[in-house]
């Protein structure tokens, strides 16, 4: 009986850990696509001068 209780608890925590990992991974992918599709000027970009 005690082993079944430990198994159930371990399975519950593993499921929570897997969901947290998947949510974090999805958030990282979402953040990466936001950075790639950002329409605003980056700090590395330089506007051309009117003299040229």
PDB file of N, CA and C in Angstrom:
ATOM      1  N   UNK A   1       0.829  -1.198   0.000  1.00  0.00           N
ATOM      2  CA  UNK A   1       0.000   0.000   0.000  1.00  0.00           C
ATOM      3  C   UNK A   1       0.868   1.255   0.000  1.00  0.00           C
ATOM      4  N   UNK A   2       1.928   1.230   0.794  1.00  0.00           N
ATOM      5  CA  UNK A   2       2.798   2.385   0.899  1.00  0.00           C
ATOM      6  C   UNK A   2       3.554   2.639  -0.405  1.00  0.00           C
ATOM      7  N   UNK A   3       3.950   1.587  -1.119  1.00  0.00           N
ATOM      8  CA  UNK A   3       4.674   1.729  -2.385  1.00  0.00           C
ATOM      9  C   UNK A   3       3.765   2.349  -3.443  1.00  0.00           C
ATOM     10  N   UNK A   4       2.499   1.991  -3.435  1.00  0.00           N
ATOM     11  CA  UNK A   4       1.556   2.571  -4.387  1.00  0.00           C
ATOM     12  C   UNK A   4       1.367   4.066  -4.165  1.00  0.00           C
ATOM     13  N   UNK A   5       1.391   4.458  -2.895  1.00  0.00           N
ATOM     14  CA  UNK A   5       1.248   5.872  -2.568  1.00  0.00           C
ATOM     15  C   UNK A   5       2.466   6.666  -3.056  1.00  0.00           C
ATOM     16  N   UNK A   6       3.669   6.090  -2.867  1.00  0.00           N
ATOM     17  CA  UNK A   6       4.878   6.751  -3.345  1.00  0.00           C
ATOM     18  C   UNK A   6       4.906   6.826  -4.868  1.00  0.00           C
ATOM     19  N   UNK A   7       4.476   5.757  -5.522  1.00  0.00           N
ATOM     20  CA  UNK A   7       4.445   5.729  -6.978  1.00  0.00           C
ATOM     21  C   UNK A   7       3.480   6.778  -7.524  1.00  0.00           C
ATOM     22  N   UNK A   8       2.328   6.904  -6.903  1.00  0.00           N
ATOM     23  CA  UNK A   8       1.343   7.895  -7.328  1.00  0.00           C
ATOM     24  C   UNK A   8       1.866   9.312  -7.131  1.00  0.00           C
ATOM     25  N   UNK A   9       2.511   9.547  -6.015  1.00  0.00           N
ATOM     26  CA  UNK A   9       3.060  10.872  -5.736  1.00  0.00           C
ATOM     27  C   UNK A   9       4.202  11.203  -6.701  1.00  0.00           C
ATOM     28  N   UNK A  10       5.061  10.243  -6.962  1.00  0.00           N
ATOM     29  CA  UNK A  10       6.175  10.470  -7.895  1.00  0.00           C
ATOM     30  C   UNK A  10       5.655  10.734  -9.299  1.00  0.00           C
ATOM     31  N   UNK A  11       4.642  10.001  -9.705  1.00  0.00           N
ATOM     32  CA  UNK A  11       4.061  10.203 -11.031  1.00  0.00           C
ATOM     33  C   UNK A  11       3.438  11.587 -11.141  1.00  0.00           C
ATOM     34  N   UNK A  12       2.788  12.039 -10.075  1.00  0.00           N
ATOM     35  CA  UNK A  12       2.175  13.369 -10.064  1.00  0.00           C
ATOM     36  C   UNK A  12       3.241  14.447 -10.199  1.00  0.00           C
ATOM     37  N   UNK A  13       4.351  14.327  -9.457  1.00  0.00           N
ATOM     38  CA  UNK A  13       5.411  15.329  -9.532  1.00  0.00           C
ATOM     39  C   UNK A  13       6.147  15.286 -10.863  1.00  0.00           C
ATOM     40  N   UNK A  14       6.324  14.108 -11.434  1.00  0.00           N
ATOM     41  CA  UNK A  14       6.945  14.011 -12.756  1.00  0.00           C
ATOM     42  C   UNK A  14       6.059  14.654 -13.819  1.00  0.00           C
ATOM     43  N   UNK A  15       4.767  14.485 -13.696  1.00  0.00           N
ATOM     44  CA  UNK A  15       3.841  15.112 -14.639  1.00  0.00           C
ATOM     45  C   UNK A  15       3.914  16.635 -14.518  1.00  0.00           C
ATOM     46  N   UNK A  16       3.973  17.145 -13.286  1.00  0.00           N
ATOM     47  CA  UNK A  16       4.092  18.600 -13.074  1.00  0.00           C
ATOM     48  C   UNK A  16       5.411  19.121 -13.640  1.00  0.00           C
ATOM     49  N   UNK A  17       6.492  18.386 -13.429  1.00  0.00           N
ATOM     50  CA  UNK A  17       7.789  18.789 -13.946  1.00  0.00           C
ATOM     51  C   UNK A  17       7.789  18.813 -15.475  1.00  0.00           C
ATOM     52  N   UNK A  18       7.182  17.822 -16.096  1.00  0.00           N
ATOM     53  CA  UNK A  18       7.113  17.775 -17.554  1.00  0.00           C
ATOM     54  C   UNK A  18       6.291  18.939 -18.096  1.00  0.00           C
ATOM     55  N   UNK A  19       5.184  19.280 -17.456  1.00  0.00           N
ATOM     56  CA  UNK A  19       4.364  20.408 -17.913  1.00  0.00           C
ATOM     57  C   UNK A  19       5.111  21.725 -17.759  1.00  0.00           C
ATOM     58  N   UNK A  20       5.820  21.896 -16.650  1.00  0.00           N
ATOM     59  CA  UNK A  20       6.584  23.123 -16.440  1.00  0.00           C
ATOM     60  C   UNK A  20       7.698  23.243 -17.475  1.00  0.00           C
ATOM     61  N   UNK A  21       8.351  22.132 -17.807  1.00  0.00           N
ATOM     62  CA  UNK A  21       9.408  22.138 -18.816  1.00  0.00           C
ATOM     63  C   UNK A  21       8.846  22.505 -20.181  1.00  0.00           C
ATOM     64  N   UNK A  22       7.708  21.926 -20.536  1.00  0.00           N
ATOM     65  CA  UNK A  22       7.100  22.208 -21.838  1.00  0.00           C
ATOM     66  C   UNK A  22       6.649  23.662 -21.932  1.00  0.00           C
ATOM     67  N   UNK A  23       6.100  24.193 -20.856  1.00  0.00           N
ATOM     68  CA  UNK A  23       5.684  25.593 -20.869  1.00  0.00           C
ATOM     69  C   UNK A  23       6.896  26.524 -20.997  1.00  0.00           C
ATOM     70  N   UNK A  24       7.962  26.213 -20.315  1.00  0.00           N
ATOM     71  CA  UNK A  24       9.172  27.014 -20.423  1.00  0.00           C
ATOM     72  C   UNK A  24       9.780  26.950 -21.802  1.00  0.00           C
ATOM     73  N   UNK A  25       9.772  25.779 -22.415  1.00  0.00           N
ATOM     74  CA  UNK A  25      10.321  25.609 -23.755  1.00  0.00           C
ATOM     75  C   UNK A  25       9.472  26.357 -24.770  1.00  0.00           C
ATOM     76  N   UNK A  26       8.148  26.307 -24.624  1.00  0.00           N
ATOM     77  CA  UNK A  26       7.254  27.031 -25.532  1.00  0.00           C
ATOM     78  C   UNK A  26       7.448  28.535 -25.373  1.00  0.00           C
ATOM     79  N   UNK A  27       7.672  28.995 -24.157  1.00  0.00           N
ATOM     80  CA  UNK A  27       7.898  30.419 -23.925  1.00  0.00           C
ATOM     81  C   UNK A  27       9.211  30.858 -24.557  1.00  0.00           C
ATOM     82  N   UNK A  28      10.235  30.043 -24.498  1.00  0.00           N
ATOM     83  CA  UNK A  28      11.513  30.390 -25.117  1.00  0.00           C
ATOM     84  C   UNK A  28      11.375  30.477 -26.630  1.00  0.00           C
ATOM     85  N   UNK A  29      10.630  29.558 -27.239  1.00  0.00           N
ATOM     86  CA  UNK A  29      10.409  29.609 -28.690  1.00  0.00           C
ATOM     87  C   UNK A  29       9.603  30.840 -29.054  1.00  0.00           C
ATOM     88  N   UNK A  30       8.580  31.152 -28.283  1.00  0.00           N
ATOM     89  CA  UNK A  30       7.755  32.329 -28.540  1.00  0.00           C
ATOM     90  C   UNK A  30       8.592  33.598 -28.432  1.00  0.00           C
ATOM     91  N   UNK A  31       9.465  33.680 -27.456  1.00  0.00           N
ATOM     92  CA  UNK A  31      10.315  34.860 -27.285  1.00  0.00           C
ATOM     93  C   UNK A  31      11.282  34.996 -28.449  1.00  0.00           C
ATOM     94  N   UNK A  32      11.791  33.869 -28.961  1.00  0.00           N
ATOM     95  CA  UNK A  32      12.720  33.906 -30.089  1.00  0.00           C
ATOM     96  C   UNK A  32      12.033  34.397 -31.355  1.00  0.00           C
ATOM     97  N   UNK A  33      10.814  33.966 -31.591  1.00  0.00           N
ATOM     98  CA  UNK A  33      10.107  34.424 -32.785  1.00  0.00           C
ATOM     99  C   UNK A  33       9.723  35.892 -32.664  1.00  0.00           C
ATOM    100  N   UNK A  34       9.451  36.353 -31.454  1.00  0.00           N
ATOM    101  CA  UNK A  34       9.167  37.780 -31.272  1.00  0.00           C
ATOM    102  C   UNK A  34      10.395  38.611 -31.607  1.00  0.00           C
ATOM    103  N   UNK A  35      11.577  38.126 -31.232  1.00  0.00           N
ATOM    104  CA  UNK A  35      12.790  38.863 -31.528  1.00  0.00           C
ATOM    105  C   UNK A  35      13.079  38.863 -33.022  1.00  0.00           C
ATOM    106  N   UNK A  36      12.771  37.784 -33.707  1.00  0.00           N
ATOM    107  CA  UNK A  36      13.040  37.704 -35.140  1.00  0.00           C
ATOM    108  C   UNK A  36      12.064  38.555 -35.942  1.00  0.00           C
ATOM    109  N   UNK A  37      10.832  38.646 -35.516  1.00  0.00           N
ATOM    110  CA  UNK A  37       9.810  39.373 -36.249  1.00  0.00           C
ATOM    111  C   UNK A  37       9.617  40.796 -35.753  1.00  0.00           C
ATOM    112  N   UNK A  38      10.543  41.307 -34.960  1.00  0.00           N
ATOM    113  CA  UNK A  38      10.406  42.636 -34.390  1.00  0.00           C
ATOM    114  C   UNK A  38      10.591  43.694 -35.485  1.00  0.00           C
ATOM    115  N   UNK A  39       9.597  44.561 -35.728  1.00  0.00           N
ATOM    116  CA  UNK A  39       9.718  45.533 -36.809  1.00  0.00           C
ATOM    117  C   UNK A  39      10.509  46.780 -36.425  1.00  0.00           C
ATOM    118  N   UNK A  40      10.832  46.946 -35.168  1.00  0.00           N
ATOM    119  CA  UNK A  40      11.515  48.149 -34.728  1.00  0.00           C
ATOM    120  C   UNK A  40      13.013  48.057 -35.008  1.00  0.00           C
ATOM    121  N   UNK A  41      13.664  49.214 -35.058  1.00  0.00           N
ATOM    122  CA  UNK A  41      15.095  49.255 -35.308  1.00  0.00           C
ATOM    123  C   UNK A  41      15.851  48.654 -34.126  1.00  0.00           C
ATOM    124  N   UNK A  42      16.881  47.927 -34.459  1.00  0.00           N
ATOM    125  CA  UNK A  42      17.740  47.358 -33.432  1.00  0.00           C
ATOM    126  C   UNK A  42      18.843  48.357 -33.097  1.00  0.00           C
ATOM    127  N   UNK A  43      19.517  48.147 -32.003  1.00  0.00           N
ATOM    128  CA  UNK A  43      20.589  49.065 -31.619  1.00  0.00           C
ATOM    129  C   UNK A  43      21.783  48.925 -32.561  1.00  0.00           C
ATOM    130  N   UNK A  44      21.935  47.782 -33.240  1.00  0.00           N
ATOM    131  CA  UNK A  44      23.060  47.588 -34.137  1.00  0.00           C
ATOM    132  C   UNK A  44      22.849  48.310 -35.469  1.00  0.00           C
ATOM    133  N   UNK A  45      21.607  48.557 -35.829  1.00  0.00           N
ATOM    134  CA  UNK A  45      21.328  49.175 -37.125  1.00  0.00           C
ATOM    135  C   UNK A  45      21.642  50.675 -37.082  1.00  0.00           C
ATOM    136  N   UNK A  46      22.211  51.159 -38.165  1.00  0.00           N
ATOM    137  CA  UNK A  46      22.554  52.575 -38.275  1.00  0.00           C
ATOM    138  C   UNK A  46      21.819  53.145 -39.463  1.00  0.00           C
ATOM    139  N   UNK A  47      21.192  54.289 -39.268  1.00  0.00           N
ATOM    140  CA  UNK A  47      20.495  54.954 -40.371  1.00  0.00           C
ATOM    141  C   UNK A  47      21.506  55.601 -41.307  1.00  0.00           C
ATOM    142  N   UNK A  48      21.292  55.533 -42.605  1.00  0.00           N
ATOM    143  CA  UNK A  48      22.234  56.159 -43.543  1.00  0.00           C
ATOM    144  C   UNK A  48      22.170  57.678 -43.458  1.00  0.00           C
ATOM    145  N   UNK A  49      23.307  58.335 -43.673  1.00  0.00           N
ATOM    146  CA  UNK A  49      23.371  59.787 -43.655  1.00  0.00           C
ATOM    147  C   UNK A  49      22.799  60.358 -44.937  1.00  0.00           C
ATOM    148  N   UNK A  50      22.369  61.602 -44.892  1.00  0.00           N
ATOM    149  CA  UNK A  50      21.847  62.265 -46.089  1.00  0.00           C
ATOM    150  C   UNK A  50      22.965  62.673 -47.033  1.00  0.00           C
ATOM    151  N   UNK A  51      24.202  62.749 -46.573  1.00  0.00           N
ATOM    152  CA  UNK A  51      25.327  63.161 -47.398  1.00  0.00           C
ATOM    153  C   UNK A  51      25.655  62.127 -48.477  1.00  0.00           C
ATOM    154  N   UNK A  52      25.403  60.861 -48.189  1.00  0.00           N
ATOM    155  CA  UNK A  52      25.771  59.801 -49.144  1.00  0.00           C
ATOM    156  C   UNK A  52      24.838  59.727 -50.289  1.00  0.00           C
TER     157      UNK A  52
END
